[in-house]
Amino acid sequence: MLRFNSGTVSSDDVGLFSTPLADIEFGPSPMTSSAVTPSDEFPVSRVTVEQVARYQFEVSYPGTSLRSTTVDEAPPVGTGNGPDPAQALAGAVGHCLSSTLFNTLERSHVRTTPIRTSVTVTFGRNEKGRKRVAALSARIECGPLEESDRARFERCVEIFEDYCTVTGSVRQGVSVHTEVRPLEDAASPRVWP
């Protein structure tokens, strides 16, 4: 019996397996200062992670037409055939920030250059000496195409993070710093339809 906060997983064998073992449910995080109550207002999002080799897993998205994704640990532990967990976390936060900024700009009718986001992961050790993600730092580059949109653009930059679901959730346990900067290479800006 494995216990994860209030959730449990029953298994006689937790070694290599070819079929899903059981659903793992995680209880509330002890780091969370304010509780978030689940709501029937939102659909449940689900992924399945299945081991295919030592540290290599296939992530699938049941109920969707999305292709599975390979995740892996970097050498020497894994083979590096996919992003490691920290890279996957950084990608999720970067995507959340980028798409939320785009949505905020679009709702404000601000045409912008394409968004380019890079996320840096900083590691540290907790009080038990275990390696942990200490901070995420996102740099978002984009800018309004028209100077007349600058004030609305700046207002969007002020508020967009309040609507970023994943980043807001991660931020409860990990420091996330965000910086939005004008695009450095604006020689040929494109506009998304």
Protein backbone atom coordinates (compact mmCIF):
# COMPACT_ATOMS: atom_id res chain seq x y z
CA MET A 1 0.00 0.00 0.00
CA LEU A 2 1.46 3.36 -1.08
CA ARG A 3 0.02 6.50 0.45
CA PHE A 4 0.14 10.00 -1.10
CA ASN A 5 -1.37 12.45 1.38
CA SER A 6 -5.04 11.43 1.40
CA GLY A 7 -4.89 9.20 -1.70
CA THR A 8 -3.86 5.56 -1.79
CA VAL A 9 -2.59 3.05 -4.32
CA SER A 10 -2.90 -0.68 -3.73
CA SER A 11 -0.42 -3.03 -5.36
CA ASP A 12 1.37 -6.30 -4.70
CA ASP A 13 4.16 -5.37 -7.10
CA VAL A 14 5.43 -1.84 -7.69
CA GLY A 15 8.25 -2.91 -10.04
CA LEU A 16 8.14 -2.90 -13.84
CA PHE A 17 4.68 -3.43 -15.28
CA SER A 18 3.09 -3.35 -18.70
CA THR A 19 -0.44 -2.31 -17.76
CA PRO A 20 -1.52 0.59 -15.59
CA LEU A 21 -1.20 -0.33 -11.92
CA ALA A 22 -3.83 1.90 -10.37
CA ASP A 23 -4.99 5.47 -10.20
CA ILE A 24 -2.96 7.63 -7.85
CA GLU A 25 -4.77 10.47 -6.17
CA PHE A 26 -2.82 13.16 -4.42
CA GLY A 27 -4.29 14.95 -1.45
CA PRO A 28 -3.85 18.61 -0.60
CA SER A 29 -0.28 19.86 -0.50
CA PRO A 30 1.04 20.84 2.92
CA MET A 31 2.73 23.84 1.19
CA THR A 32 -0.58 25.28 0.00
CA SER A 33 -1.57 28.27 2.09
CA SER A 34 -5.04 28.66 0.61
CA ALA A 35 -7.23 25.74 -0.32
CA VAL A 36 -8.61 25.37 -3.81
CA THR A 37 -11.91 23.55 -3.84
CA PRO A 38 -12.61 21.22 -6.78
CA SER A 39 -15.63 22.30 -8.78
CA ASP A 40 -18.06 20.54 -11.12
CA GLU A 41 -17.92 23.76 -13.15
CA PHE A 42 -14.72 22.54 -14.85
CA PRO A 43 -14.06 19.28 -16.68
CA VAL A 44 -11.51 16.94 -15.15
CA SER A 45 -8.21 16.78 -17.07
CA ARG A 46 -6.47 13.43 -17.16
CA VAL A 47 -3.18 12.00 -18.42
CA THR A 48 -1.88 8.45 -18.27
CA VAL A 49 1.83 7.80 -17.71
CA GLU A 50 3.01 4.31 -18.63
CA GLN A 51 6.54 2.95 -18.27
CA VAL A 52 8.12 1.67 -21.51
CA ALA A 53 11.77 1.36 -20.35
CA ARG A 54 13.72 2.10 -17.20
CA TYR A 55 13.13 5.85 -16.81
CA GLN A 56 11.27 6.34 -20.08
CA PHE A 57 7.49 6.76 -19.99
CA GLU A 58 4.75 7.46 -22.52
CA VAL A 59 2.29 10.15 -21.53
CA SER A 60 -1.09 9.77 -23.19
CA TYR A 61 -4.17 11.93 -23.05
CA PRO A 62 -7.31 9.76 -22.72
CA GLY A 63 -10.45 11.03 -24.42
CA THR A 64 -8.49 13.18 -26.90
CA SER A 65 -6.93 12.70 -30.32
CA LEU A 66 -3.55 13.93 -29.05
CA ARG A 67 -0.48 11.81 -29.76
CA SER A 68 1.37 10.43 -26.76
CA THR A 69 4.53 12.12 -25.55
CA THR A 70 7.75 10.43 -24.47
CA VAL A 71 9.32 11.63 -21.24
CA ASP A 72 12.65 10.46 -19.85
CA GLU A 73 15.42 11.35 -17.46
CA ALA A 74 18.66 12.82 -18.75
CA PRO A 75 21.79 10.64 -18.93
CA PRO A 76 23.36 9.02 -17.01
CA VAL A 77 20.12 8.04 -15.22
CA GLY A 78 17.92 7.84 -18.33
CA THR A 79 18.54 8.01 -22.06
CA GLY A 80 17.34 11.57 -22.65
CA ASN A 81 14.71 10.50 -25.21
CA GLY A 82 12.26 13.11 -23.99
CA PRO A 83 11.94 15.99 -21.58
CA ASP A 84 12.65 15.26 -17.94
CA PRO A 85 10.06 16.18 -15.27
CA ALA A 86 11.58 19.63 -14.63
CA GLN A 87 11.57 20.41 -18.36
CA ALA A 88 7.98 19.20 -18.64
CA LEU A 89 7.03 21.46 -15.72
CA ALA A 90 8.86 24.40 -17.32
CA GLY A 91 7.10 23.69 -20.62
CA ALA A 92 3.70 23.58 -18.92
CA VAL A 93 4.32 26.88 -17.12
CA GLY A 94 5.75 28.51 -20.28
CA HIS A 95 2.79 27.36 -22.36
CA CYS A 96 0.31 28.51 -19.72
CA LEU A 97 1.90 31.96 -19.49
CA SER A 98 2.17 32.34 -23.27
CA SER A 99 -1.35 31.23 -24.10
CA THR A 100 -2.85 33.27 -21.26
CA LEU A 101 -0.97 36.39 -22.39
CA PHE A 102 -2.11 35.77 -25.97
CA ASN A 103 -5.72 35.33 -24.83
CA THR A 104 -5.59 38.53 -22.76
CA LEU A 105 -4.12 40.50 -25.66
CA GLU A 106 -6.64 39.06 -28.12
CA ARG A 107 -9.59 39.92 -25.87
CA SER A 108 -8.26 43.48 -25.67
CA HIS A 109 -7.93 43.64 -29.47
CA VAL A 110 -4.16 44.11 -29.30
CA ARG A 111 -2.42 42.71 -32.37
CA THR A 112 1.03 41.53 -31.37
CA THR A 113 4.17 39.95 -32.69
CA PRO A 114 4.50 36.21 -32.08
CA ILE A 115 5.16 35.29 -28.47
CA ARG A 116 8.46 33.59 -27.62
CA THR A 117 8.86 32.34 -24.06
CA SER A 118 11.89 30.77 -22.38
CA VAL A 119 11.68 29.29 -18.89
CA THR A 120 14.70 28.70 -16.68
CA VAL A 121 14.50 26.13 -13.88
CA THR A 122 16.60 26.72 -10.76
CA PHE A 123 17.22 23.80 -8.41
CA GLY A 124 17.98 23.70 -4.72
CA ARG A 125 17.70 21.38 -1.75
CA ASN A 126 14.97 21.21 0.86
CA GLU A 127 15.53 20.88 4.61
CA LYS A 128 16.09 17.10 4.18
CA GLY A 129 18.71 17.67 1.49
CA ARG A 130 16.46 16.46 -1.35
CA LYS A 131 16.78 18.09 -4.78
CA ARG A 132 13.78 20.30 -5.57
CA VAL A 133 12.71 22.91 -8.10
CA ALA A 134 13.49 26.12 -6.24
CA ALA A 135 12.25 28.62 -8.81
CA LEU A 136 11.08 29.11 -12.36
CA SER A 137 11.91 32.25 -14.31
CA ALA A 138 10.01 33.00 -17.51
CA ARG A 139 11.08 35.53 -20.10
CA ILE A 140 8.34 36.39 -22.59
CA GLU A 141 9.20 38.37 -25.69
CA CYS A 142 6.53 40.04 -27.80
CA GLY A 143 5.22 43.48 -28.47
CA PRO A 144 2.31 45.37 -29.97
CA LEU A 145 2.43 45.95 -33.71
CA GLU A 146 0.90 49.41 -33.37
CA GLU A 147 2.15 52.07 -30.97
CA SER A 148 -1.50 53.05 -30.42
CA ASP A 149 -1.97 49.65 -28.70
CA ARG A 150 0.85 50.23 -26.19
CA ALA A 151 -1.35 51.28 -23.22
CA ARG A 152 -3.70 48.30 -23.67
CA PHE A 153 -0.69 46.02 -24.15
CA GLU A 154 0.84 47.20 -20.88
CA ARG A 155 -2.48 46.73 -19.06
CA CYS A 156 -2.69 43.14 -20.38
CA VAL A 157 0.85 42.47 -19.15
CA GLU A 158 -0.20 43.74 -15.69
CA ILE A 159 -3.19 41.39 -15.35
CA PHE A 160 -2.65 38.26 -17.46
CA GLU A 161 -0.93 36.18 -14.77
CA ASP A 162 -4.06 36.35 -12.60
CA TYR A 163 -5.77 34.15 -15.22
CA CYS A 164 -2.94 31.63 -15.71
CA THR A 165 -4.28 28.37 -14.24
CA VAL A 166 -1.13 26.23 -14.19
CA THR A 167 1.30 28.99 -13.21
CA GLY A 168 -1.01 30.15 -10.43
CA SER A 169 -1.20 26.61 -9.08
CA VAL A 170 2.55 25.96 -9.32
CA ARG A 171 3.27 29.34 -7.72
CA GLN A 172 1.68 28.10 -4.48
CA GLY A 173 4.72 25.87 -3.93
CA VAL A 174 7.46 27.20 -6.23
CA SER A 175 8.59 30.77 -6.83
CA VAL A 176 7.70 31.81 -10.40
CA HIS A 177 9.14 35.06 -11.77
CA THR A 178 7.79 36.43 -15.06
CA GLU A 179 9.19 39.16 -17.27
CA VAL A 180 7.55 40.37 -20.49
CA ARG A 181 9.93 42.20 -22.81
CA PRO A 182 9.65 43.73 -26.24
CA LEU A 183 10.68 41.39 -29.02
CA GLU A 184 14.37 41.95 -29.75
CA ASP A 185 14.18 40.84 -33.37
CA ALA A 186 11.16 42.67 -34.76
CA ALA A 187 12.50 42.87 -38.32
CA SER A 188 9.64 40.83 -39.75
CA PRO A 189 6.75 40.66 -37.28
CA ARG A 190 3.94 38.27 -38.10
CA VAL A 191 0.33 38.44 -37.06
CA TRP A 192 -1.71 35.41 -36.10
CA PRO A 193 -5.12 35.32 -37.82
